[in-house]
N, C-alpha and C. Protein backbone atom coordinates (compact mmCIF):
# COMPACT_ATOMS: atom_id res chain seq x y z
N UNK A 1 233.67 66.74 27.65
CA UNK A 1 234.66 65.79 27.15
C UNK A 1 234.36 65.50 25.70
N UNK A 2 235.41 65.39 24.95
CA UNK A 2 235.31 65.02 23.54
C UNK A 2 235.98 63.66 23.39
N UNK A 3 235.42 62.82 22.56
CA UNK A 3 236.01 61.51 22.31
C UNK A 3 236.34 61.43 20.83
N UNK A 4 237.62 61.33 20.54
CA UNK A 4 238.07 61.19 19.16
C UNK A 4 238.20 59.70 18.84
N UNK A 5 237.72 59.31 17.68
CA UNK A 5 237.89 57.93 17.25
C UNK A 5 238.50 57.91 15.85
N UNK A 6 239.31 56.91 15.63
CA UNK A 6 239.82 56.65 14.29
C UNK A 6 239.96 55.15 14.12
N UNK A 7 239.94 54.71 12.88
CA UNK A 7 240.07 53.29 12.58
C UNK A 7 241.40 53.02 11.91
N UNK A 8 242.08 52.00 12.41
CA UNK A 8 243.35 51.55 11.85
C UNK A 8 243.24 50.04 11.69
N UNK A 9 243.29 49.55 10.47
CA UNK A 9 243.19 48.11 10.20
C UNK A 9 241.97 47.49 10.87
N UNK A 10 240.82 48.12 10.75
CA UNK A 10 239.54 47.70 11.33
C UNK A 10 239.56 47.64 12.87
N UNK A 11 240.46 48.39 13.47
CA UNK A 11 240.54 48.52 14.93
C UNK A 11 240.16 49.96 15.26
N UNK A 12 239.24 50.14 16.20
CA UNK A 12 238.85 51.48 16.61
C UNK A 12 239.76 51.95 17.73
N UNK A 13 240.35 53.12 17.53
CA UNK A 13 241.17 53.74 18.56
C UNK A 13 240.39 54.94 19.09
N UNK A 14 240.12 54.92 20.38
CA UNK A 14 239.31 55.94 21.02
C UNK A 14 240.19 56.72 22.00
N UNK A 15 240.20 58.04 21.84
CA UNK A 15 241.00 58.89 22.72
C UNK A 15 240.09 59.86 23.44
N UNK A 16 240.22 59.89 24.76
CA UNK A 16 239.44 60.80 25.59
C UNK A 16 240.14 62.15 25.60
N UNK A 17 239.47 63.20 25.14
CA UNK A 17 240.11 64.51 24.96
C UNK A 17 239.37 65.60 25.72
N UNK A 18 240.01 66.75 25.78
CA UNK A 18 239.46 67.97 26.38
C UNK A 18 239.24 67.86 27.88
N UNK A 19 239.78 66.84 28.51
CA UNK A 19 239.74 66.70 29.95
C UNK A 19 240.89 65.80 30.37
N UNK A 20 241.29 65.92 31.61
CA UNK A 20 242.31 65.01 32.12
C UNK A 20 241.72 64.06 33.14
N UNK A 21 240.40 64.02 33.20
CA UNK A 21 239.72 63.21 34.21
C UNK A 21 238.67 62.29 33.57
N UNK A 22 238.65 61.05 34.04
CA UNK A 22 237.56 60.13 33.71
C UNK A 22 236.85 59.90 35.04
N UNK A 23 235.72 60.58 35.23
CA UNK A 23 235.06 60.57 36.53
C UNK A 23 233.55 60.70 36.35
N UNK A 24 232.85 60.88 37.47
CA UNK A 24 231.39 60.83 37.48
C UNK A 24 230.73 61.70 36.42
N UNK A 25 231.30 62.86 36.13
CA UNK A 25 230.66 63.78 35.18
C UNK A 25 230.77 63.34 33.72
N UNK A 26 231.73 62.48 33.39
CA UNK A 26 231.87 62.09 31.98
C UNK A 26 231.98 60.58 31.76
N UNK A 27 231.99 59.81 32.81
CA UNK A 27 232.14 58.35 32.66
C UNK A 27 231.00 57.72 31.86
N UNK A 28 229.80 58.24 32.02
CA UNK A 28 228.67 57.70 31.28
C UNK A 28 228.82 57.89 29.78
N UNK A 29 229.35 59.04 29.38
CA UNK A 29 229.58 59.31 27.96
C UNK A 29 230.63 58.33 27.41
N UNK A 30 231.72 58.17 28.16
CA UNK A 30 232.77 57.25 27.73
C UNK A 30 232.25 55.81 27.66
N UNK A 31 231.48 55.42 28.66
CA UNK A 31 230.91 54.06 28.69
C UNK A 31 230.02 53.83 27.48
N UNK A 32 229.14 54.77 27.18
CA UNK A 32 228.24 54.61 26.04
C UNK A 32 229.02 54.48 24.74
N UNK A 33 230.05 55.30 24.57
CA UNK A 33 230.84 55.27 23.33
C UNK A 33 231.60 53.95 23.20
N UNK A 34 232.20 53.48 24.32
CA UNK A 34 232.92 52.20 24.27
C UNK A 34 231.96 51.06 23.97
N UNK A 35 230.80 51.05 24.64
CA UNK A 35 229.83 49.98 24.42
C UNK A 35 229.25 50.00 23.01
N UNK A 36 229.12 51.19 22.43
CA UNK A 36 228.64 51.32 21.05
C UNK A 36 229.57 50.56 20.09
N UNK A 37 230.86 50.69 20.31
CA UNK A 37 231.84 49.98 19.47
C UNK A 37 231.82 48.49 19.79
N UNK A 38 231.83 48.16 21.07
CA UNK A 38 232.01 46.76 21.49
C UNK A 38 230.79 45.88 21.27
N UNK A 39 229.61 46.46 21.04
CA UNK A 39 228.44 45.63 20.76
C UNK A 39 228.47 45.06 19.34
N UNK A 40 229.35 45.59 18.51
CA UNK A 40 229.53 45.03 17.17
C UNK A 40 230.36 43.75 17.31
N UNK A 41 229.82 42.60 16.93
CA UNK A 41 230.55 41.33 17.11
C UNK A 41 231.95 41.38 16.48
N UNK A 42 232.90 40.84 17.21
CA UNK A 42 234.29 40.73 16.76
C UNK A 42 235.00 42.08 16.65
N UNK A 43 234.43 43.12 17.22
CA UNK A 43 235.09 44.43 17.14
C UNK A 43 236.31 44.46 18.04
N UNK A 44 237.21 45.37 17.73
CA UNK A 44 238.44 45.54 18.50
C UNK A 44 238.58 47.02 18.83
N UNK A 45 238.78 47.31 20.12
CA UNK A 45 238.82 48.68 20.59
C UNK A 45 240.09 48.93 21.41
N UNK A 46 240.74 50.04 21.12
CA UNK A 46 241.88 50.53 21.90
C UNK A 46 241.42 51.83 22.55
N UNK A 47 241.56 51.92 23.88
CA UNK A 47 241.23 53.16 24.59
C UNK A 47 242.54 53.82 24.99
N UNK A 48 242.77 55.01 24.44
CA UNK A 48 244.01 55.76 24.66
C UNK A 48 243.81 56.75 25.81
N UNK A 49 244.54 56.54 26.89
CA UNK A 49 244.44 57.37 28.09
C UNK A 49 245.49 58.47 28.15
N UNK A 50 246.06 58.84 27.02
CA UNK A 50 247.19 59.77 27.01
C UNK A 50 246.94 61.04 27.83
N UNK A 51 245.76 61.62 27.74
CA UNK A 51 245.48 62.87 28.44
C UNK A 51 244.86 62.69 29.82
N UNK A 52 244.60 61.47 30.24
CA UNK A 52 243.90 61.21 31.50
C UNK A 52 244.91 61.06 32.64
N UNK A 53 244.75 61.90 33.66
CA UNK A 53 245.63 61.82 34.83
C UNK A 53 244.87 61.49 36.11
N UNK A 54 243.54 61.35 36.00
CA UNK A 54 242.72 61.01 37.17
C UNK A 54 241.56 60.14 36.73
N UNK A 55 241.25 59.14 37.53
CA UNK A 55 240.09 58.28 37.28
C UNK A 55 239.46 57.95 38.64
N UNK A 56 238.14 57.98 38.70
CA UNK A 56 237.46 57.63 39.94
C UNK A 56 236.64 56.35 39.74
N UNK A 57 235.84 56.01 40.75
CA UNK A 57 235.09 54.76 40.69
C UNK A 57 234.12 54.72 39.51
N UNK A 58 233.57 55.86 39.13
CA UNK A 58 232.68 55.91 37.96
C UNK A 58 233.44 55.59 36.69
N UNK A 59 234.66 56.09 36.59
CA UNK A 59 235.51 55.79 35.44
C UNK A 59 235.85 54.31 35.37
N UNK A 60 236.18 53.74 36.53
CA UNK A 60 236.47 52.30 36.57
C UNK A 60 235.22 51.50 36.23
N UNK A 61 234.06 51.98 36.68
CA UNK A 61 232.81 51.31 36.35
C UNK A 61 232.56 51.30 34.85
N UNK A 62 232.87 52.41 34.19
CA UNK A 62 232.71 52.48 32.73
C UNK A 62 233.61 51.47 32.04
N UNK A 63 234.85 51.36 32.51
CA UNK A 63 235.79 50.39 31.92
C UNK A 63 235.31 48.95 32.14
N UNK A 64 234.84 48.66 33.34
CA UNK A 64 234.37 47.30 33.62
C UNK A 64 233.11 46.97 32.82
N UNK A 65 232.24 47.95 32.63
CA UNK A 65 231.07 47.74 31.78
C UNK A 65 231.49 47.42 30.35
N UNK A 66 232.49 48.16 29.85
CA UNK A 66 232.98 47.91 28.49
C UNK A 66 233.59 46.52 28.39
N UNK A 67 234.31 46.10 29.42
CA UNK A 67 234.91 44.76 29.41
C UNK A 67 233.81 43.69 29.37
N UNK A 68 232.76 43.88 30.16
CA UNK A 68 231.64 42.94 30.17
C UNK A 68 230.98 42.89 28.79
N UNK A 69 230.75 44.05 28.20
CA UNK A 69 230.15 44.11 26.87
C UNK A 69 231.03 43.39 25.85
N UNK A 70 232.35 43.59 25.95
CA UNK A 70 233.26 42.94 25.00
C UNK A 70 233.16 41.42 25.10
N UNK A 71 233.05 40.91 26.31
CA UNK A 71 232.94 39.45 26.48
C UNK A 71 231.61 38.93 25.94
N UNK A 72 230.55 39.68 26.14
CA UNK A 72 229.22 39.27 25.66
C UNK A 72 229.14 39.24 24.14
N UNK A 73 229.94 40.05 23.46
CA UNK A 73 229.85 40.19 22.00
C UNK A 73 231.11 39.67 21.28
N UNK A 74 231.93 38.90 22.00
CA UNK A 74 233.17 38.36 21.44
C UNK A 74 234.02 39.46 20.81
N UNK A 75 234.05 40.61 21.46
CA UNK A 75 234.88 41.73 21.04
C UNK A 75 236.10 41.80 21.97
N UNK A 76 237.01 42.71 21.65
CA UNK A 76 238.21 42.86 22.48
C UNK A 76 238.46 44.33 22.77
N UNK A 77 238.98 44.58 23.99
CA UNK A 77 239.32 45.93 24.40
C UNK A 77 240.72 45.92 25.00
N UNK A 78 241.51 46.93 24.64
CA UNK A 78 242.85 47.09 25.20
C UNK A 78 243.03 48.55 25.59
N UNK A 79 243.86 48.78 26.59
CA UNK A 79 244.12 50.12 27.09
C UNK A 79 245.56 50.49 26.84
N UNK A 80 245.82 51.80 26.67
CA UNK A 80 247.20 52.24 26.46
C UNK A 80 247.42 53.66 26.96
N UNK A 81 248.70 54.05 27.00
CA UNK A 81 249.11 55.40 27.40
C UNK A 81 248.60 55.78 28.79
N UNK A 82 248.68 54.85 29.72
CA UNK A 82 248.19 55.13 31.07
C UNK A 82 249.33 55.72 31.90
N UNK A 83 249.06 56.88 32.50
CA UNK A 83 250.12 57.53 33.28
C UNK A 83 250.35 56.82 34.61
N UNK A 84 251.42 57.19 35.27
CA UNK A 84 251.87 56.50 36.48
C UNK A 84 250.81 56.50 37.59
N UNK A 85 250.19 57.64 37.84
CA UNK A 85 249.21 57.74 38.93
C UNK A 85 247.98 56.87 38.66
N UNK A 86 247.47 56.91 37.45
CA UNK A 86 246.30 56.10 37.10
C UNK A 86 246.69 54.62 37.13
N UNK A 87 247.89 54.30 36.65
CA UNK A 87 248.33 52.89 36.66
C UNK A 87 248.45 52.36 38.08
N UNK A 88 248.88 53.18 39.01
CA UNK A 88 248.94 52.75 40.41
C UNK A 88 247.56 52.36 40.93
N UNK A 89 246.54 53.12 40.57
CA UNK A 89 245.17 52.79 40.97
C UNK A 89 244.70 51.49 40.30
N UNK A 90 245.00 51.35 39.02
CA UNK A 90 244.63 50.14 38.30
C UNK A 90 245.28 48.91 38.95
N UNK A 91 246.54 49.03 39.30
CA UNK A 91 247.24 47.93 39.95
C UNK A 91 246.69 47.67 41.35
N UNK A 92 246.39 48.72 42.09
CA UNK A 92 245.83 48.58 43.43
C UNK A 92 244.51 47.81 43.40
N UNK A 93 243.71 48.08 42.37
CA UNK A 93 242.43 47.39 42.22
C UNK A 93 242.58 46.05 41.48
N UNK A 94 243.80 45.71 41.11
CA UNK A 94 244.14 44.48 40.40
C UNK A 94 243.43 44.36 39.05
N UNK A 95 243.15 45.50 38.45
CA UNK A 95 242.52 45.49 37.13
C UNK A 95 243.55 45.25 36.02
N UNK A 96 244.83 45.36 36.36
CA UNK A 96 245.86 45.07 35.37
C UNK A 96 245.90 43.60 35.02
N UNK A 97 245.24 42.76 35.83
CA UNK A 97 245.20 41.33 35.53
C UNK A 97 244.03 40.97 34.60
N UNK A 98 243.07 41.90 34.43
CA UNK A 98 241.93 41.58 33.55
C UNK A 98 241.90 42.42 32.28
N UNK A 99 242.62 43.53 32.28
CA UNK A 99 242.74 44.35 31.07
C UNK A 99 244.11 44.16 30.47
N UNK A 100 244.17 44.11 29.15
CA UNK A 100 245.46 44.13 28.48
C UNK A 100 245.87 45.58 28.32
N UNK A 101 247.01 45.92 28.90
CA UNK A 101 247.48 47.30 28.92
C UNK A 101 248.83 47.36 28.22
N UNK A 102 248.90 48.20 27.20
CA UNK A 102 250.14 48.34 26.43
C UNK A 102 250.60 49.79 26.43
N UNK A 103 251.77 50.00 25.89
CA UNK A 103 252.40 51.32 25.95
C UNK A 103 251.68 52.38 25.14
N UNK A 104 251.31 52.06 23.89
CA UNK A 104 250.72 53.08 23.02
C UNK A 104 249.79 52.41 22.00
N UNK A 105 249.04 53.22 21.24
CA UNK A 105 248.09 52.65 20.27
C UNK A 105 248.75 51.73 19.24
N UNK A 106 249.95 52.07 18.81
CA UNK A 106 250.64 51.23 17.82
C UNK A 106 250.91 49.84 18.39
N UNK A 107 251.34 49.78 19.64
CA UNK A 107 251.59 48.48 20.28
C UNK A 107 250.30 47.68 20.38
N UNK A 108 249.19 48.36 20.66
CA UNK A 108 247.89 47.67 20.74
C UNK A 108 247.49 47.11 19.37
N UNK A 109 247.59 47.95 18.34
CA UNK A 109 247.23 47.50 16.99
C UNK A 109 248.08 46.31 16.59
N UNK A 110 249.38 46.38 16.84
CA UNK A 110 250.29 45.27 16.52
C UNK A 110 249.94 44.02 17.31
N UNK A 111 249.52 44.18 18.55
CA UNK A 111 249.20 43.00 19.37
C UNK A 111 247.94 42.30 18.86
N UNK A 112 247.02 43.05 18.28
CA UNK A 112 245.84 42.41 17.67
C UNK A 112 246.28 41.58 16.48
N UNK A 113 247.24 42.03 15.73
CA UNK A 113 247.73 41.29 14.57
C UNK A 113 248.40 39.99 14.98
N UNK A 114 248.98 39.98 16.17
CA UNK A 114 249.70 38.79 16.64
C UNK A 114 248.77 37.72 17.20
N UNK A 115 247.49 38.05 17.37
CA UNK A 115 246.55 37.08 17.96
C UNK A 115 246.08 36.06 16.95
């Protein structure tokens, strides 16, 4: 798995690439990269799921770890571009109530400006 990052208005946008799965084999890499950004106080992170069509419990664990890290460091994390199948799992686990999920990276960046 490759993780592309770019900065827009001091917001880090992270895109998971070269795979369509966030699962046991790569969740640790994603978790480490998200936590690396979120340990910086007041950081803002957008995770772009555009290419992800499958997520397992390890992937959800990585996301929850990142959320915990964001709260500990007064940082923020938002998710975007989640496909229908992955969104159904997120809703089933009721994680849509604890993560802010928007349509695309631009919507996420704009929502940070509105805060």
